[in-house]
Structure formats: C-alpha cells, structure tokens
C-alpha cells in the first residue's frame, strides 16, 4: 500500500478549497464535492477530481460516493479519509423571522449530508485494511449558543454528537474508523462577511465579529487548512472525538 484517498465537501471555496489544494499531492487521490467546481483546483489536474453536487439533497450524492469508492481496490491505500466541511448559514436572526426552506437547507447541508456521506463512506470502506478516518468540521457554536444562529448551532451540535456516537460504534469493529468533530477556529471566509453584514437587531453579537476582523484576529483559510490536516494526520487521531484546532 502506498496511496491515500481523501474526500472533501464544500471544496469550491474557503476552507474546503484550501484543504483540497493542500491535499492534491503525489500519491493522493482527492475528490472534492461542492455545488460548483473550482477552476483553480481543476487546473491542478492529476488525481484531483471534482463533483458538482447539491448537499441540500444529500441522498443522491451519498449514493454516488458509495458507488465511486466501490470502484477502488482498498488494498491500494494506506488510508482513506472523509472530511465533512460543507456548511451554510441560514438568514441571521430568530427562526420565526426566517424562511422555513432556508432553515431546512441549513440543517440538510450541515447535518443530514455529513451523516449520510459518513454512512456511505463507512459502508464502502468496511473491508479496506488501511486507516479509515472521518473528520467533521464543527464549530464552537456547536458547543455554546449564540442568538440569531439557531440553525447553525443546532447543525454543529448535532454533528458533534453524531461523531461521538459513531465513534463508539466503530470502536467495537475490526479496523473501525476513527472520527473527530473539530472546531477550526475563526476563519476569514465569506461566512464571516455574512455575519458582519447582518442586521444587529436580530444578531446582537454582530459587533464582536466586526471586532475580530478589524483586530486582525481572523485566520486565513490556508493557515487553518494546514492546522486541520496536521490534526487529521496525527497518530492519535480519534483518541478524543471532540477537538478544537486551538487546543
């Protein structure tokens, strides 16, 4: 065995694009899944493949992933990793002032999609002999509430608990997968722009996020990706299913 396989969701921009970019190396097979493809990633060619798939309708994407993984000889890989990175914010504000479809979209992308993709990944790689890892990109907002962000907080809290529960399932299986739900810190992405541009009447923490930007406290997607991948590749990955990149 000599190869490593990686699946990254939300790969068209932000942290997901940075992860895919840094993983695209000799000996690596990388699949990026997002609503749109990324031209800069496409230019790399080689073993980096991109799918345009809507994770708000995750079942077909999960079925396609399971079928794609089944085309490989698992013995060809030292490791296989799924990084569930995709997530979206619904309109910032109380849920009764937010469109129901917008709320449902946030939960489907942020929680339902990772759950279905993880199930597909685990089924397809069950007999593989290399290391099997699932890294779910969570948030500090899955561990503490914030006004105006109920759907995002709920998705990330669910992600944390589904990670912990599935880690228990895998611990009792031969070559069980290792799972971690990781808070990546505060990243300078379009999501931060959305938070800073929100109506303060429905988002009382707005000024705190403005202060993070003006105070230079946001970390670039590229630097965060490097930190995230360092954790993914640790020998003790999965020893604790909940983690924070700042610890």
C-alpha atoms as a PDB file:
ATOM      1  CA  UNK A   1       0.000   0.000   0.000  1.00  0.00           C
ATOM      2  CA  UNK A   2       1.241   3.479  -0.807  1.00  0.00           C
ATOM      3  CA  UNK A   3      -1.683   5.752  -1.597  1.00  0.00           C
ATOM      4  CA  UNK A   4      -4.006   7.960   0.386  1.00  0.00           C
ATOM      5  CA  UNK A   5      -7.585   8.817  -0.540  1.00  0.00           C
ATOM      6  CA  UNK A   6      -9.406  11.964   0.591  1.00  0.00           C
ATOM      7  CA  UNK A   7     -12.958  13.196   0.111  1.00  0.00           C
ATOM      8  CA  UNK A   8     -13.608  16.865   0.934  1.00  0.00           C
ATOM      9  CA  UNK A   9     -17.017  18.534   0.872  1.00  0.00           C
ATOM     10  CA  UNK A  10     -17.525  22.248   0.363  1.00  0.00           C
ATOM     11  CA  UNK A  11     -14.385  22.220  -1.784  1.00  0.00           C
ATOM     12  CA  UNK A  12     -15.239  25.100  -4.105  1.00  0.00           C
ATOM     13  CA  UNK A  13     -14.169  27.911  -1.765  1.00  0.00           C
ATOM     14  CA  UNK A  14     -12.915  28.868   1.680  1.00  0.00           C
ATOM     15  CA  UNK A  15     -11.547  26.181   3.954  1.00  0.00           C
ATOM     16  CA  UNK A  16     -12.706  23.349   1.689  1.00  0.00           C
ATOM     17  CA  UNK A  17     -10.803  24.708  -1.315  1.00  0.00           C
ATOM     18  CA  UNK A  18      -7.694  25.222   0.819  1.00  0.00           C
ATOM     19  CA  UNK A  19      -7.940  21.643   2.119  1.00  0.00           C
ATOM     20  CA  UNK A  20      -8.308  20.187  -1.370  1.00  0.00           C
ATOM     21  CA  UNK A  21      -5.441  22.343  -2.653  1.00  0.00           C
ATOM     22  CA  UNK A  22      -3.083  21.172   0.079  1.00  0.00           C
ATOM     23  CA  UNK A  23      -4.095  17.528  -0.247  1.00  0.00           C
ATOM     24  CA  UNK A  24      -3.519  17.424  -4.011  1.00  0.00           C
ATOM     25  CA  UNK A  25      -0.078  15.827  -3.893  1.00  0.00           C
ATOM     26  CA  UNK A  26       1.639  12.818  -5.492  1.00  0.00           C
ATOM     27  CA  UNK A  27       0.227   9.576  -4.141  1.00  0.00           C
ATOM     28  CA  UNK A  28      -3.033  11.209  -3.097  1.00  0.00           C
ATOM     29  CA  UNK A  29      -6.428  10.624  -4.675  1.00  0.00           C
ATOM     30  CA  UNK A  30      -8.642  13.614  -3.846  1.00  0.00           C
ATOM     31  CA  UNK A  31     -12.341  14.096  -4.509  1.00  0.00           C
ATOM     32  CA  UNK A  32     -13.947  17.472  -3.904  1.00  0.00           C
ATOM     33  CA  UNK A  33     -17.730  17.792  -3.644  1.00  0.00           C
ATOM     34  CA  UNK A  34     -19.490  21.160  -3.787  1.00  0.00           C
ATOM     35  CA  UNK A  35     -22.363  22.891  -5.544  1.00  0.00           C
ATOM     36  CA  UNK A  36     -19.867  24.312  -8.034  1.00  0.00           C
ATOM     37  CA  UNK A  37     -16.441  23.281  -9.223  1.00  0.00           C
ATOM     38  CA  UNK A  38     -13.372  25.415  -8.619  1.00  0.00           C
ATOM     39  CA  UNK A  39     -11.360  26.392 -11.704  1.00  0.00           C
ATOM     40  CA  UNK A  40      -8.131  26.752  -9.720  1.00  0.00           C
ATOM     41  CA  UNK A  41      -8.487  23.209  -8.422  1.00  0.00           C
ATOM     42  CA  UNK A  42      -9.394  21.916 -11.882  1.00  0.00           C
ATOM     43  CA  UNK A  43      -6.169  23.387 -13.237  1.00  0.00           C
ATOM     44  CA  UNK A  44      -4.179  21.073 -10.971  1.00  0.00           C
ATOM     45  CA  UNK A  45      -5.411  18.029 -12.862  1.00  0.00           C
ATOM     46  CA  UNK A  46      -3.826  14.754 -11.853  1.00  0.00           C
ATOM     47  CA  UNK A  47      -5.647  12.773  -9.193  1.00  0.00           C
ATOM     48  CA  UNK A  48      -7.898  15.624  -8.022  1.00  0.00           C
ATOM     49  CA  UNK A  49     -11.499  15.120  -9.130  1.00  0.00           C
ATOM     50  CA  UNK A  50     -14.438  17.456  -8.535  1.00  0.00           C
ATOM     51  CA  UNK A  51     -18.164  16.796  -8.467  1.00  0.00           C
ATOM     52  CA  UNK A  52     -20.873  19.409  -8.622  1.00  0.00           C
ATOM     53  CA  UNK A  53     -23.474  18.140  -6.170  1.00  0.00           C
ATOM     54  CA  UNK A  54     -26.109  19.846  -4.043  1.00  0.00           C
ATOM     55  CA  UNK A  55     -25.692  18.710  -0.429  1.00  0.00           C
ATOM     56  CA  UNK A  56     -29.112  20.122   0.380  1.00  0.00           C
ATOM     57  CA  UNK A  57     -30.269  16.946  -1.407  1.00  0.00           C
ATOM     58  CA  UNK A  58     -27.662  14.607   0.050  1.00  0.00           C
ATOM     59  CA  UNK A  59     -29.037  11.120  -0.657  1.00  0.00           C
ATOM     60  CA  UNK A  60     -28.044  11.032  -4.365  1.00  0.00           C
ATOM     61  CA  UNK A  61     -24.598  12.424  -3.536  1.00  0.00           C
ATOM     62  CA  UNK A  62     -24.082   9.805  -0.832  1.00  0.00           C
ATOM     63  CA  UNK A  63     -25.146   7.013  -3.196  1.00  0.00           C
ATOM     64  CA  UNK A  64     -22.743   8.299  -5.854  1.00  0.00           C
ATOM     65  CA  UNK A  65     -19.913   8.450  -3.309  1.00  0.00           C
ATOM     66  CA  UNK A  66     -20.529   4.880  -2.186  1.00  0.00           C
ATOM     67  CA  UNK A  67     -20.529   3.661  -5.798  1.00  0.00           C
ATOM     68  CA  UNK A  68     -17.359   5.634  -6.587  1.00  0.00           C
ATOM     69  CA  UNK A  69     -15.494   4.200  -3.600  1.00  0.00           C
ATOM     70  CA  UNK A  70     -16.548   0.701  -4.631  1.00  0.00           C
ATOM     71  CA  UNK A  71     -14.563   1.086  -7.870  1.00  0.00           C
ATOM     72  CA  UNK A  72     -11.270   1.134  -5.956  1.00  0.00           C
ATOM     73  CA  UNK A  73      -9.153  -1.678  -4.594  1.00  0.00           C
ATOM     74  CA  UNK A  74      -8.959  -0.772  -0.916  1.00  0.00           C
ATOM     75  CA  UNK A  75      -5.597  -2.530  -0.650  1.00  0.00           C
ATOM     76  CA  UNK A  76      -4.112   0.277  -2.746  1.00  0.00           C
ATOM     77  CA  UNK A  77      -4.480   2.813   0.063  1.00  0.00           C
ATOM     78  CA  UNK A  78      -2.707   3.257   3.353  1.00  0.00           C
ATOM     79  CA  UNK A  79      -5.563   5.497   4.438  1.00  0.00           C
ATOM     80  CA  UNK A  80      -8.958   6.800   3.362  1.00  0.00           C
ATOM     81  CA  UNK A  81     -10.389   9.980   4.862  1.00  0.00           C
ATOM     82  CA  UNK A  82     -13.700  11.805   4.589  1.00  0.00           C
ATOM     83  CA  UNK A  83     -13.673  15.493   5.551  1.00  0.00           C
ATOM     84  CA  UNK A  84     -17.203  16.829   6.007  1.00  0.00           C
ATOM     85  CA  UNK A  85     -16.535  20.540   5.706  1.00  0.00           C
ATOM     86  CA  UNK A  86     -19.596  21.958   3.922  1.00  0.00           C
ATOM     87  CA  UNK A  87     -21.965  24.141   5.910  1.00  0.00           C
ATOM     88  CA  UNK A  88     -24.228  27.115   5.351  1.00  0.00           C
ATOM     89  CA  UNK A  89     -25.793  29.865   7.408  1.00  0.00           C
ATOM     90  CA  UNK A  90     -29.488  30.486   7.192  1.00  0.00           C
ATOM     91  CA  UNK A  91     -30.594  34.107   7.462  1.00  0.00           C
ATOM     92  CA  UNK A  92     -29.122  35.536  10.653  1.00  0.00           C
ATOM     93  CA  UNK A  93     -31.882  36.229  13.165  1.00  0.00           C
ATOM     94  CA  UNK A  94     -34.616  34.461  15.140  1.00  0.00           C
ATOM     95  CA  UNK A  95     -36.025  31.344  13.490  1.00  0.00           C
ATOM     96  CA  UNK A  96     -39.568  32.726  13.387  1.00  0.00           C
ATOM     97  CA  UNK A  97     -38.276  35.526  11.166  1.00  0.00           C
ATOM     98  CA  UNK A  98     -36.518  33.107   8.806  1.00  0.00           C
ATOM     99  CA  UNK A  99     -37.965  31.284   5.814  1.00  0.00           C
ATOM    100  CA  UNK A 100     -38.640  27.597   6.512  1.00  0.00           C
ATOM    101  CA  UNK A 101     -36.858  26.474   3.350  1.00  0.00           C
ATOM    102  CA  UNK A 102     -33.783  28.441   4.418  1.00  0.00           C
ATOM    103  CA  UNK A 103     -33.762  26.738   7.821  1.00  0.00           C
ATOM    104  CA  UNK A 104     -34.243  23.301   6.275  1.00  0.00           C
ATOM    105  CA  UNK A 105     -31.402  23.925   3.820  1.00  0.00           C
ATOM    106  CA  UNK A 106     -29.007  24.770   6.673  1.00  0.00           C
ATOM    107  CA  UNK A 107     -29.839  21.559   8.542  1.00  0.00           C
ATOM    108  CA  UNK A 108     -29.632  19.379   5.443  1.00  0.00           C
ATOM    109  CA  UNK A 109     -26.249  20.700   4.364  1.00  0.00           C
ATOM    110  CA  UNK A 110     -24.801  20.993   7.859  1.00  0.00           C
ATOM    111  CA  UNK A 111     -26.058  17.785   9.469  1.00  0.00           C
ATOM    112  CA  UNK A 112     -28.018  15.459   7.199  1.00  0.00           C
ATOM    113  CA  UNK A 113     -25.381  15.482   4.453  1.00  0.00           C
ATOM    114  CA  UNK A 114     -22.437  14.633   6.760  1.00  0.00           C
ATOM    115  CA  UNK A 115     -24.442  11.835   8.346  1.00  0.00           C
ATOM    116  CA  UNK A 116     -25.399  10.253   5.023  1.00  0.00           C
ATOM    117  CA  UNK A 117     -21.949  10.718   3.488  1.00  0.00           C
ATOM    118  CA  UNK A 118     -20.297   9.197   6.554  1.00  0.00           C
ATOM    119  CA  UNK A 119     -22.612   6.192   6.415  1.00  0.00           C
ATOM    120  CA  UNK A 120     -21.814   5.715   2.713  1.00  0.00           C
ATOM    121  CA  UNK A 121     -18.085   6.095   3.332  1.00  0.00           C
ATOM    122  CA  UNK A 122     -18.094   3.576   6.179  1.00  0.00           C
ATOM    123  CA  UNK A 123     -20.070   1.009   4.191  1.00  0.00           C
ATOM    124  CA  UNK A 124     -17.893   1.323   1.105  1.00  0.00           C
ATOM    125  CA  UNK A 125     -14.595   1.066   3.001  1.00  0.00           C
ATOM    126  CA  UNK A 126     -15.641  -1.524   5.590  1.00  0.00           C
ATOM    127  CA  UNK A 127     -13.273  -4.187   4.221  1.00  0.00           C
ATOM    128  CA  UNK A 128     -10.390  -1.834   3.487  1.00  0.00           C
ATOM    129  CA  UNK A 129      -7.294  -2.583   5.530  1.00  0.00           C
ATOM    130  CA  UNK A 130      -5.759   0.886   5.731  1.00  0.00           C
ATOM    131  CA  UNK A 131      -6.602   3.593   8.250  1.00  0.00           C
ATOM    132  CA  UNK A 132     -10.135   4.974   7.903  1.00  0.00           C
ATOM    133  CA  UNK A 133     -10.859   8.444   9.208  1.00  0.00           C
ATOM    134  CA  UNK A 134     -13.797  10.841   9.289  1.00  0.00           C
ATOM    135  CA  UNK A 135     -13.132  14.474  10.153  1.00  0.00           C
ATOM    136  CA  UNK A 136     -16.223  16.603  10.689  1.00  0.00           C
ATOM    137  CA  UNK A 137     -15.646  20.356  10.640  1.00  0.00           C
ATOM    138  CA  UNK A 138     -17.717  21.647  13.525  1.00  0.00           C
ATOM    139  CA  UNK A 139     -17.688  24.992  15.322  1.00  0.00           C
ATOM    140  CA  UNK A 140     -17.501  26.499  18.753  1.00  0.00           C
ATOM    141  CA  UNK A 141     -21.153  27.372  18.102  1.00  0.00           C
ATOM    142  CA  UNK A 142     -21.979  23.696  18.355  1.00  0.00           C
ATOM    143  CA  UNK A 143     -20.799  23.885  21.955  1.00  0.00           C
ATOM    144  CA  UNK A 144     -22.236  27.222  23.051  1.00  0.00           C
ATOM    145  CA  UNK A 145     -25.374  29.058  21.899  1.00  0.00           C
ATOM    146  CA  UNK A 146     -25.483  32.359  20.040  1.00  0.00           C
ATOM    147  CA  UNK A 147     -28.562  34.473  19.384  1.00  0.00           C
ATOM    148  CA  UNK A 148     -29.655  34.669  15.769  1.00  0.00           C
ATOM    149  CA  UNK A 149     -27.869  31.443  14.811  1.00  0.00           C
ATOM    150  CA  UNK A 150     -30.153  28.620  15.966  1.00  0.00           C
ATOM    151  CA  UNK A 151     -29.989  26.513  12.800  1.00  0.00           C
ATOM    152  CA  UNK A 152     -26.197  26.725  12.538  1.00  0.00           C
ATOM    153  CA  UNK A 153     -25.732  25.976  16.248  1.00  0.00           C
ATOM    154  CA  UNK A 154     -28.159  23.045  16.008  1.00  0.00           C
ATOM    155  CA  UNK A 155     -26.395  21.566  12.968  1.00  0.00           C
ATOM    156  CA  UNK A 156     -22.976  21.787  14.596  1.00  0.00           C
ATOM    157  CA  UNK A 157     -24.202  20.421  17.945  1.00  0.00           C
ATOM    158  CA  UNK A 158     -25.779  17.517  16.078  1.00  0.00           C
ATOM    159  CA  UNK A 159     -22.543  16.992  14.173  1.00  0.00           C
ATOM    160  CA  UNK A 160     -20.627  16.744  17.442  1.00  0.00           C
ATOM    161  CA  UNK A 161     -22.980  14.186  18.950  1.00  0.00           C
ATOM    162  CA  UNK A 162     -23.306  12.072  15.809  1.00  0.00           C
ATOM    163  CA  UNK A 163     -19.491  11.971  15.676  1.00  0.00           C
ATOM    164  CA  UNK A 164     -19.262  10.801  19.280  1.00  0.00           C
ATOM    165  CA  UNK A 165     -21.964   8.170  18.800  1.00  0.00           C
ATOM    166  CA  UNK A 166     -20.498   6.795  15.574  1.00  0.00           C
ATOM    167  CA  UNK A 167     -17.039   6.676  17.164  1.00  0.00           C
ATOM    168  CA  UNK A 168     -18.499   4.349  19.786  1.00  0.00           C
ATOM    169  CA  UNK A 169     -19.976   2.127  17.056  1.00  0.00           C
ATOM    170  CA  UNK A 170     -16.669   1.978  15.191  1.00  0.00           C
ATOM    171  CA  UNK A 171     -14.642   1.254  18.341  1.00  0.00           C
ATOM    172  CA  UNK A 172     -16.202  -2.201  18.531  1.00  0.00           C
ATOM    173  CA  UNK A 173     -15.459  -3.192  14.935  1.00  0.00           C
ATOM    174  CA  UNK A 174     -12.313  -4.649  13.330  1.00  0.00           C
ATOM    175  CA  UNK A 175     -10.278  -1.767  11.896  1.00  0.00           C
ATOM    176  CA  UNK A 176     -13.023   0.614  12.923  1.00  0.00           C
ATOM    177  CA  UNK A 177     -12.850   4.117  11.569  1.00  0.00           C
ATOM    178  CA  UNK A 178     -11.597   6.954  13.763  1.00  0.00           C
ATOM    179  CA  UNK A 179     -13.822  10.013  13.969  1.00  0.00           C
ATOM    180  CA  UNK A 180     -13.255  13.566  15.174  1.00  0.00           C
ATOM    181  CA  UNK A 181     -15.524  16.602  15.204  1.00  0.00           C
ATOM    182  CA  UNK A 182     -13.178  19.584  15.068  1.00  0.00           C
ATOM    183  CA  UNK A 183     -13.825  23.260  15.743  1.00  0.00           C
ATOM    184  CA  UNK A 184     -11.473  25.035  13.292  1.00  0.00           C
ATOM    185  CA  UNK A 185     -11.297  28.458  14.936  1.00  0.00           C
ATOM    186  CA  UNK A 186     -12.407  31.753  13.411  1.00  0.00           C
ATOM    187  CA  UNK A 187     -11.564  31.815   9.696  1.00  0.00           C
ATOM    188  CA  UNK A 188     -11.532  34.743   7.292  1.00  0.00           C
ATOM    189  CA  UNK A 189     -14.164  33.442   4.859  1.00  0.00           C
ATOM    190  CA  UNK A 190     -17.397  34.581   3.206  1.00  0.00           C
ATOM    191  CA  UNK A 191     -19.310  33.288   6.230  1.00  0.00           C
ATOM    192  CA  UNK A 192     -17.610  35.943   8.341  1.00  0.00           C
ATOM    193  CA  UNK A 193     -18.640  38.567   5.786  1.00  0.00           C
ATOM    194  CA  UNK A 194     -22.242  37.379   6.150  1.00  0.00           C
ATOM    195  CA  UNK A 195     -22.063  37.635   9.934  1.00  0.00           C
ATOM    196  CA  UNK A 196     -20.577  41.133   9.874  1.00  0.00           C
ATOM    197  CA  UNK A 197     -23.217  42.288   7.410  1.00  0.00           C
ATOM    198  CA  UNK A 198     -26.170  41.056   9.452  1.00  0.00           C
ATOM    199  CA  UNK A 199     -28.840  43.282  10.993  1.00  0.00           C
ATOM    200  CA  UNK A 200     -27.769  43.882  14.621  1.00  0.00           C
ATOM    201  CA  UNK A 201     -31.396  43.921  15.740  1.00  0.00           C
ATOM    202  CA  UNK A 202     -31.522  40.181  15.105  1.00  0.00           C
ATOM    203  CA  UNK A 203     -27.866  39.463  15.784  1.00  0.00           C
ATOM    204  CA  UNK A 204     -26.620  41.101  18.993  1.00  0.00           C
ATOM    205  CA  UNK A 205     -23.117  39.587  18.585  1.00  0.00           C
ATOM    206  CA  UNK A 206     -22.503  41.382  15.289  1.00  0.00           C
ATOM    207  CA  UNK A 207     -20.013  43.882  16.717  1.00  0.00           C
ATOM    208  CA  UNK A 208     -17.914  41.083  18.172  1.00  0.00           C
ATOM    209  CA  UNK A 209     -17.429  39.659  14.692  1.00  0.00           C
ATOM    210  CA  UNK A 210     -16.666  43.104  13.303  1.00  0.00           C
ATOM    211  CA  UNK A 211     -14.028  43.410  16.025  1.00  0.00           C
ATOM    212  CA  UNK A 212     -12.444  40.081  15.058  1.00  0.00           C
ATOM    213  CA  UNK A 213     -11.898  41.430  11.546  1.00  0.00           C
ATOM    214  CA  UNK A 214     -10.695  44.886  12.483  1.00  0.00           C
ATOM    215  CA  UNK A 215      -8.495  43.447  15.219  1.00  0.00           C
ATOM    216  CA  UNK A 216      -6.759  41.062  12.820  1.00  0.00           C
ATOM    217  CA  UNK A 217      -7.898  38.000  14.735  1.00  0.00           C
ATOM    218  CA  UNK A 218      -9.207  36.020  11.768  1.00  0.00           C
ATOM    219  CA  UNK A 219      -7.028  33.204  10.450  1.00  0.00           C
ATOM    220  CA  UNK A 220      -6.694  32.605   6.720  1.00  0.00           C
ATOM    221  CA  UNK A 221      -8.289  29.547   5.170  1.00  0.00           C
ATOM    222  CA  UNK A 222      -4.856  28.355   4.060  1.00  0.00           C
ATOM    223  CA  UNK A 223      -3.345  28.520   7.543  1.00  0.00           C
ATOM    224  CA  UNK A 224      -6.417  26.860   9.046  1.00  0.00           C
ATOM    225  CA  UNK A 225      -6.282  24.073   6.456  1.00  0.00           C
ATOM    226  CA  UNK A 226      -2.682  23.335   7.401  1.00  0.00           C
ATOM    227  CA  UNK A 227      -3.650  23.100  11.082  1.00  0.00           C
ATOM    228  CA  UNK A 228      -6.663  20.904  10.324  1.00  0.00           C
ATOM    229  CA  UNK A 229      -4.614  18.498   8.209  1.00  0.00           C
ATOM    230  CA  UNK A 230      -1.929  18.290  10.893  1.00  0.00           C
ATOM    231  CA  UNK A 231      -4.634  17.034  13.261  1.00  0.00           C
ATOM    232  CA  UNK A 232      -6.048  14.625  10.664  1.00  0.00           C
ATOM    233  CA  UNK A 233      -2.625  13.046  10.208  1.00  0.00           C
ATOM    234  CA  UNK A 234      -1.774  12.692  13.897  1.00  0.00           C
ATOM    235  CA  UNK A 235      -1.064   9.155  15.037  1.00  0.00           C
ATOM    236  CA  UNK A 236      -3.595   9.563  17.854  1.00  0.00           C
ATOM    237  CA  UNK A 237      -6.374  10.942  15.641  1.00  0.00           C
ATOM    238  CA  UNK A 238      -9.704   9.880  17.110  1.00  0.00           C
ATOM    239  CA  UNK A 239      -8.447   9.360  20.659  1.00  0.00           C
ATOM    240  CA  UNK A 240     -10.839  12.194  21.592  1.00  0.00           C
ATOM    241  CA  UNK A 241     -13.850  12.596  19.271  1.00  0.00           C
ATOM    242  CA  UNK A 242     -14.304  16.299  20.087  1.00  0.00           C
ATOM    243  CA  UNK A 243     -11.434  18.671  19.418  1.00  0.00           C
ATOM    244  CA  UNK A 244     -10.583  22.308  18.788  1.00  0.00           C
ATOM    245  CA  UNK A 245      -7.774  23.359  16.439  1.00  0.00           C
ATOM    246  CA  UNK A 246      -6.736  25.990  19.004  1.00  0.00           C
ATOM    247  CA  UNK A 247      -6.037  23.435  21.743  1.00  0.00           C
END
